[in-house]
Amino acid sequence: TAIFQLDLMPSVMLGCAVIGFNYYWTVKLVQKLLQERKLLALDLLFILTKFAISVIVLFGALTYLELPPMGLLIGLSNVALAAIVYSFVRVMNPHKFA
């Protein structure tokens, strides 16, 4: 974001925080599911609640904080970009990851 505009930084950081929040709680849920080996109705409620919290935070950021949507999209796409970069690094140095 430093290449584009510095005023996008707060929205990019918020987008990254939302992705980090979702990633952390998804990992916790998957670990719990793997340990218990069953899916409960409460687990489905947890997934929907996590999604609802993310939507409310993003809606509030766009409506009340008036953060630019482009910065939020950059922050939210952070995971996909990191996966692409990691894949390229693995292809360039395959012996390092073997």
C-alpha atoms as a PDB file:
ATOM      1  CA  THR A   1       0.000   0.000   0.000  1.00  0.00           C
ATOM      2  CA  ALA A   2       2.934   2.343   0.413  1.00  0.00           C
ATOM      3  CA  ILE A   3       3.297   2.203  -3.372  1.00  0.00           C
ATOM      4  CA  PHE A   4      -0.289   3.332  -3.938  1.00  0.00           C
ATOM      5  CA  GLN A   5      -1.497   5.716  -1.222  1.00  0.00           C
ATOM      6  CA  LEU A   6      -0.821   6.018   2.489  1.00  0.00           C
ATOM      7  CA  ASP A   7      -4.441   6.841   3.234  1.00  0.00           C
ATOM      8  CA  LEU A   8      -5.315   3.228   2.427  1.00  0.00           C
ATOM      9  CA  MET A   9      -3.241   1.921   5.337  1.00  0.00           C
ATOM     10  CA  PRO A  10      -6.009   1.891   8.004  1.00  0.00           C
ATOM     11  CA  SER A  11      -8.424   0.056   5.721  1.00  0.00           C
ATOM     12  CA  VAL A  12      -5.755  -2.436   4.618  1.00  0.00           C
ATOM     13  CA  MET A  13      -4.833  -3.135   8.230  1.00  0.00           C
ATOM     14  CA  LEU A  14      -8.504  -3.641   9.124  1.00  0.00           C
ATOM     15  CA  GLY A  15      -8.926  -6.038   6.193  1.00  0.00           C
ATOM     16  CA  CYS A  16      -5.856  -7.977   7.351  1.00  0.00           C
ATOM     17  CA  ALA A  17      -7.222  -8.050  10.907  1.00  0.00           C
ATOM     18  CA  VAL A  18     -10.566  -9.442   9.707  1.00  0.00           C
ATOM     19  CA  ILE A  19      -8.761 -12.166   7.741  1.00  0.00           C
ATOM     20  CA  GLY A  20      -6.522 -12.903  10.737  1.00  0.00           C
ATOM     21  CA  PHE A  21      -9.582 -13.155  12.996  1.00  0.00           C
ATOM     22  CA  ASN A  22     -11.295 -15.557  10.592  1.00  0.00           C
ATOM     23  CA  TYR A  23      -8.154 -17.632  10.083  1.00  0.00           C
ATOM     24  CA  TYR A  24      -7.435 -17.983  13.808  1.00  0.00           C
ATOM     25  CA  TRP A  25     -10.958 -19.060  14.738  1.00  0.00           C
ATOM     26  CA  THR A  26     -11.255 -21.363  11.728  1.00  0.00           C
ATOM     27  CA  VAL A  27      -8.044 -23.138  12.788  1.00  0.00           C
ATOM     28  CA  LYS A  28      -9.397 -23.499  16.328  1.00  0.00           C
ATOM     29  CA  LEU A  29     -12.674 -24.908  14.992  1.00  0.00           C
ATOM     30  CA  VAL A  30     -10.938 -27.404  12.694  1.00  0.00           C
ATOM     31  CA  GLN A  31      -8.669 -28.549  15.532  1.00  0.00           C
ATOM     32  CA  LYS A  32     -11.727 -29.090  17.722  1.00  0.00           C
ATOM     33  CA  LEU A  33     -13.519 -30.988  14.952  1.00  0.00           C
ATOM     34  CA  LEU A  34     -10.505 -33.217  14.360  1.00  0.00           C
ATOM     35  CA  GLN A  35     -10.209 -34.025  18.060  1.00  0.00           C
ATOM     36  CA  GLU A  36     -13.901 -34.725  18.634  1.00  0.00           C
ATOM     37  CA  ARG A  37     -14.600 -36.186  15.150  1.00  0.00           C
ATOM     38  CA  LYS A  38     -18.152 -34.865  15.067  1.00  0.00           C
ATOM     39  CA  LEU A  39     -19.942 -31.719  13.991  1.00  0.00           C
ATOM     40  CA  LEU A  40     -22.417 -30.234  16.423  1.00  0.00           C
ATOM     41  CA  ALA A  41     -25.129 -27.675  15.776  1.00  0.00           C
ATOM     42  CA  LEU A  42     -23.184 -25.283  18.012  1.00  0.00           C
ATOM     43  CA  ASP A  43     -20.231 -25.529  15.615  1.00  0.00           C
ATOM     44  CA  LEU A  44     -22.436 -24.408  12.722  1.00  0.00           C
ATOM     45  CA  LEU A  45     -23.692 -21.538  14.854  1.00  0.00           C
ATOM     46  CA  PHE A  46     -20.062 -20.622  15.580  1.00  0.00           C
ATOM     47  CA  ILE A  47     -19.275 -20.466  11.843  1.00  0.00           C
ATOM     48  CA  LEU A  48     -22.284 -18.236  11.179  1.00  0.00           C
ATOM     49  CA  THR A  49     -21.428 -16.005  14.145  1.00  0.00           C
ATOM     50  CA  LYS A  50     -17.856 -15.589  12.932  1.00  0.00           C
ATOM     51  CA  PHE A  51     -19.155 -14.628   9.495  1.00  0.00           C
ATOM     52  CA  ALA A  52     -21.685 -12.191  10.983  1.00  0.00           C
ATOM     53  CA  ILE A  53     -19.029 -10.480  13.111  1.00  0.00           C
ATOM     54  CA  SER A  54     -16.815 -10.046  10.044  1.00  0.00           C
ATOM     55  CA  VAL A  55     -19.671  -8.586   8.007  1.00  0.00           C
ATOM     56  CA  ILE A  56     -20.650  -6.187  10.805  1.00  0.00           C
ATOM     57  CA  VAL A  57     -17.040  -4.978  11.180  1.00  0.00           C
ATOM     58  CA  LEU A  58     -16.670  -4.443   7.435  1.00  0.00           C
ATOM     59  CA  PHE A  59     -20.056  -2.714   7.199  1.00  0.00           C
ATOM     60  CA  GLY A  60     -19.145  -0.429  10.095  1.00  0.00           C
ATOM     61  CA  ALA A  61     -15.792   0.368   8.520  1.00  0.00           C
ATOM     62  CA  LEU A  62     -17.408   1.333   5.237  1.00  0.00           C
ATOM     63  CA  THR A  63     -20.383   3.184   6.705  1.00  0.00           C
ATOM     64  CA  TYR A  64     -19.231   4.862   9.900  1.00  0.00           C
ATOM     65  CA  LEU A  65     -15.461   5.083   9.554  1.00  0.00           C
ATOM     66  CA  GLU A  66     -15.774   5.803   5.805  1.00  0.00           C
ATOM     67  CA  LEU A  67     -12.701   3.727   4.985  1.00  0.00           C
ATOM     68  CA  PRO A  68     -12.004   3.255   1.287  1.00  0.00           C
ATOM     69  CA  PRO A  69     -13.290  -0.068  -0.064  1.00  0.00           C
ATOM     70  CA  MET A  70     -10.148  -0.563  -2.180  1.00  0.00           C
ATOM     71  CA  GLY A  71      -8.010  -0.748   0.958  1.00  0.00           C
ATOM     72  CA  LEU A  72     -10.357  -3.276   2.539  1.00  0.00           C
ATOM     73  CA  LEU A  73     -10.203  -5.408  -0.607  1.00  0.00           C
ATOM     74  CA  ILE A  74      -6.406  -5.273  -0.579  1.00  0.00           C
ATOM     75  CA  GLY A  75      -6.371  -6.332   3.068  1.00  0.00           C
ATOM     76  CA  LEU A  76      -8.915  -9.101   2.523  1.00  0.00           C
ATOM     77  CA  SER A  77      -7.022 -10.471  -0.473  1.00  0.00           C
ATOM     78  CA  ASN A  78      -3.850 -10.616   1.617  1.00  0.00           C
ATOM     79  CA  VAL A  79      -4.189 -14.370   2.196  1.00  0.00           C
ATOM     80  CA  ALA A  80      -4.555 -15.171  -1.498  1.00  0.00           C
ATOM     81  CA  LEU A  81      -1.570 -13.003  -2.392  1.00  0.00           C
ATOM     82  CA  ALA A  82       0.546 -14.587   0.344  1.00  0.00           C
ATOM     83  CA  ALA A  83      -0.341 -18.084  -0.919  1.00  0.00           C
ATOM     84  CA  ILE A  84       0.665 -17.126  -4.479  1.00  0.00           C
ATOM     85  CA  VAL A  85       3.979 -15.641  -3.339  1.00  0.00           C
ATOM     86  CA  TYR A  86       4.684 -18.697  -1.160  1.00  0.00           C
ATOM     87  CA  SER A  87       3.993 -20.991  -4.128  1.00  0.00           C
ATOM     88  CA  PHE A  88       6.432 -19.054  -6.312  1.00  0.00           C
ATOM     89  CA  VAL A  89       9.101 -19.221  -3.603  1.00  0.00           C
ATOM     90  CA  ARG A  90       8.610 -22.990  -3.307  1.00  0.00           C
ATOM     91  CA  VAL A  91       8.947 -23.404  -7.076  1.00  0.00           C
ATOM     92  CA  MET A  92      12.135 -21.327  -7.166  1.00  0.00           C
ATOM     93  CA  ASN A  93      13.780 -23.197  -4.240  1.00  0.00           C
ATOM     94  CA  PRO A  94      12.287 -26.726  -4.147  1.00  0.00           C
ATOM     95  CA  HIS A  95      15.221 -28.243  -2.243  1.00  0.00           C
ATOM     96  CA  LYS A  96      14.735 -25.794   0.637  1.00  0.00           C
ATOM     97  CA  PHE A  97      11.159 -27.016   1.300  1.00  0.00           C
ATOM     98  CA  ALA A  98      11.727 -30.741   0.800  1.00  0.00           C
END
